[in-house]
Amino acid sequence: MNAADEDEHEVEDLQTDVTRFLLGFVHAPLLGDQYVRGVLPAPEGAPAVRGVLGGRDERAPARLTADEIPLGPGTELLTPHDAVGLLRAARTEPGR
């Protein structure tokens, strides 16, 4: 396996770990009244995931928000806990 394949595999593993961790916030709020309503990999294999947040039972797309969480390049990949921290920070920024 070459270095590019190893990096891609590492990103895929981290996307899986972050998704698994975020799914715990489907039934417990991530922040205030915001729950994880979905987790998606970023398009085209980008080293990121997209977290979709909304009210506990919200399903209407217009009432959901999505944030892309960069997982970092190569050996500087974030942990699932870091990804949750970034999502919480995005929700608490002024003007959000």
C-alpha atoms as a PDB file:
ATOM      1  CA  MET A   1       0.000   0.000   0.000  1.00  0.00           C
ATOM      2  CA  ASN A   2       1.467   3.393  -0.969  1.00  0.00           C
ATOM      3  CA  ALA A   3       1.400   6.523   1.233  1.00  0.00           C
ATOM      4  CA  ALA A   4      -1.617   8.060  -0.580  1.00  0.00           C
ATOM      5  CA  ASP A   5      -3.635   4.865  -0.067  1.00  0.00           C
ATOM      6  CA  GLU A   6      -2.631   4.780   3.609  1.00  0.00           C
ATOM      7  CA  ASP A   7      -3.714   8.412   4.084  1.00  0.00           C
ATOM      8  CA  GLU A   8      -7.046   7.716   2.354  1.00  0.00           C
ATOM      9  CA  HIS A   9      -7.634   4.634   4.525  1.00  0.00           C
ATOM     10  CA  GLU A  10      -6.773   6.635   7.658  1.00  0.00           C
ATOM     11  CA  VAL A  11      -9.285   9.354   6.684  1.00  0.00           C
ATOM     12  CA  GLU A  12     -11.978   6.743   5.996  1.00  0.00           C
ATOM     13  CA  ASP A  13     -11.338   5.148   9.400  1.00  0.00           C
ATOM     14  CA  LEU A  14     -11.571   8.538  11.100  1.00  0.00           C
ATOM     15  CA  GLN A  15     -14.796   9.401   9.244  1.00  0.00           C
ATOM     16  CA  THR A  16     -16.233   6.130  10.556  1.00  0.00           C
ATOM     17  CA  ASP A  17     -15.043   6.841  14.116  1.00  0.00           C
ATOM     18  CA  VAL A  18     -16.430  10.393  14.087  1.00  0.00           C
ATOM     19  CA  THR A  19     -19.759   9.190  12.670  1.00  0.00           C
ATOM     20  CA  ARG A  20     -20.050   6.482  15.308  1.00  0.00           C
ATOM     21  CA  PHE A  21     -19.258   8.994  18.068  1.00  0.00           C
ATOM     22  CA  LEU A  22     -21.684  11.633  16.766  1.00  0.00           C
ATOM     23  CA  LEU A  23     -24.529   9.113  16.574  1.00  0.00           C
ATOM     24  CA  GLY A  24     -24.585   9.169  20.376  1.00  0.00           C
ATOM     25  CA  PHE A  25     -25.966  12.711  20.103  1.00  0.00           C
ATOM     26  CA  VAL A  26     -29.078  11.586  18.232  1.00  0.00           C
ATOM     27  CA  HIS A  27     -30.812  10.923  21.563  1.00  0.00           C
ATOM     28  CA  ALA A  28     -28.831  13.273  23.829  1.00  0.00           C
ATOM     29  CA  PRO A  29     -28.425  16.931  22.873  1.00  0.00           C
ATOM     30  CA  LEU A  30     -25.118  18.019  21.444  1.00  0.00           C
ATOM     31  CA  LEU A  31     -25.720  21.548  22.653  1.00  0.00           C
ATOM     32  CA  GLY A  32     -28.863  23.020  24.214  1.00  0.00           C
ATOM     33  CA  ASP A  33     -31.778  21.812  22.105  1.00  0.00           C
ATOM     34  CA  GLN A  34     -29.601  20.805  19.120  1.00  0.00           C
ATOM     35  CA  TYR A  35     -29.350  17.112  18.287  1.00  0.00           C
ATOM     36  CA  VAL A  36     -27.406  15.316  15.604  1.00  0.00           C
ATOM     37  CA  ARG A  37     -29.900  14.555  12.837  1.00  0.00           C
ATOM     38  CA  GLY A  38     -27.367  13.094  10.402  1.00  0.00           C
ATOM     39  CA  VAL A  39     -23.688  12.565   9.637  1.00  0.00           C
ATOM     40  CA  LEU A  40     -22.347  12.388   6.095  1.00  0.00           C
ATOM     41  CA  PRO A  41     -18.875  11.998   4.621  1.00  0.00           C
ATOM     42  CA  ALA A  42     -17.642  15.006   2.691  1.00  0.00           C
ATOM     43  CA  PRO A  43     -17.883  14.700  -1.106  1.00  0.00           C
ATOM     44  CA  GLU A  44     -15.106  13.264  -3.244  1.00  0.00           C
ATOM     45  CA  GLY A  45     -13.199  11.721  -0.346  1.00  0.00           C
ATOM     46  CA  ALA A  46     -12.287  15.047   1.269  1.00  0.00           C
ATOM     47  CA  PRO A  47     -10.858  14.595   4.788  1.00  0.00           C
ATOM     48  CA  ALA A  48     -14.013  15.892   6.463  1.00  0.00           C
ATOM     49  CA  VAL A  49     -17.480  14.931   7.660  1.00  0.00           C
ATOM     50  CA  ARG A  50     -20.723  16.879   7.624  1.00  0.00           C
ATOM     51  CA  GLY A  51     -22.781  17.053  10.784  1.00  0.00           C
ATOM     52  CA  VAL A  52     -26.474  17.882  10.422  1.00  0.00           C
ATOM     53  CA  LEU A  53     -28.072  19.445  13.499  1.00  0.00           C
ATOM     54  CA  GLY A  54     -31.612  20.333  14.469  1.00  0.00           C
ATOM     55  CA  GLY A  55     -34.316  19.866  17.059  1.00  0.00           C
ATOM     56  CA  ARG A  56     -34.855  16.408  18.551  1.00  0.00           C
ATOM     57  CA  ASP A  57     -37.547  15.286  16.115  1.00  0.00           C
ATOM     58  CA  GLU A  58     -36.854  17.781  13.331  1.00  0.00           C
ATOM     59  CA  ARG A  59     -36.871  16.439   9.785  1.00  0.00           C
ATOM     60  CA  ALA A  60     -37.723  19.480   7.660  1.00  0.00           C
ATOM     61  CA  PRO A  61     -34.614  20.386   5.637  1.00  0.00           C
ATOM     62  CA  ALA A  62     -35.246  24.121   6.025  1.00  0.00           C
ATOM     63  CA  ARG A  63     -34.994  23.742   9.822  1.00  0.00           C
ATOM     64  CA  LEU A  64     -31.755  21.736   9.815  1.00  0.00           C
ATOM     65  CA  THR A  65     -28.218  23.055   9.567  1.00  0.00           C
ATOM     66  CA  ALA A  66     -25.119  21.294   8.293  1.00  0.00           C
ATOM     67  CA  ASP A  67     -21.518  22.037   9.144  1.00  0.00           C
ATOM     68  CA  GLU A  68     -18.497  20.535   7.436  1.00  0.00           C
ATOM     69  CA  ILE A  69     -15.854  19.473   9.929  1.00  0.00           C
ATOM     70  CA  PRO A  70     -12.344  19.225   8.514  1.00  0.00           C
ATOM     71  CA  LEU A  71     -10.568  16.214   9.958  1.00  0.00           C
ATOM     72  CA  GLY A  72      -7.109  17.558   9.217  1.00  0.00           C
ATOM     73  CA  PRO A  73      -4.325  16.559   6.847  1.00  0.00           C
ATOM     74  CA  GLY A  74      -2.204  13.395   7.156  1.00  0.00           C
ATOM     75  CA  THR A  75      -0.713  12.783  10.583  1.00  0.00           C
ATOM     76  CA  GLU A  76      -2.530  15.742  12.131  1.00  0.00           C
ATOM     77  CA  LEU A  77      -5.996  14.149  12.034  1.00  0.00           C
ATOM     78  CA  LEU A  78      -8.506  15.196  14.665  1.00  0.00           C
ATOM     79  CA  THR A  79     -10.142  12.867  17.139  1.00  0.00           C
ATOM     80  CA  PRO A  80     -13.911  12.281  17.344  1.00  0.00           C
ATOM     81  CA  HIS A  81     -13.933  14.433  20.499  1.00  0.00           C
ATOM     82  CA  ASP A  82     -12.251  17.269  18.563  1.00  0.00           C
ATOM     83  CA  ALA A  83     -14.957  17.015  15.877  1.00  0.00           C
ATOM     84  CA  VAL A  84     -17.696  17.348  18.513  1.00  0.00           C
ATOM     85  CA  GLY A  85     -15.895  20.369  19.945  1.00  0.00           C
ATOM     86  CA  LEU A  86     -15.793  22.001  16.503  1.00  0.00           C
ATOM     87  CA  LEU A  87     -19.512  21.402  15.976  1.00  0.00           C
ATOM     88  CA  ARG A  88     -20.308  22.892  19.399  1.00  0.00           C
ATOM     89  CA  ALA A  89     -18.074  25.891  18.676  1.00  0.00           C
ATOM     90  CA  ALA A  90     -19.783  26.448  15.311  1.00  0.00           C
ATOM     91  CA  ARG A  91     -23.178  26.522  17.039  1.00  0.00           C
ATOM     92  CA  THR A  92     -22.070  29.038  19.688  1.00  0.00           C
ATOM     93  CA  GLU A  93     -20.387  31.564  17.384  1.00  0.00           C
ATOM     94  CA  PRO A  94     -21.956  35.040  17.557  1.00  0.00           C
ATOM     95  CA  GLY A  95     -24.518  35.565  14.821  1.00  0.00           C
ATOM     96  CA  ARG A  96     -25.447  31.878  14.478  1.00  0.00           C
END
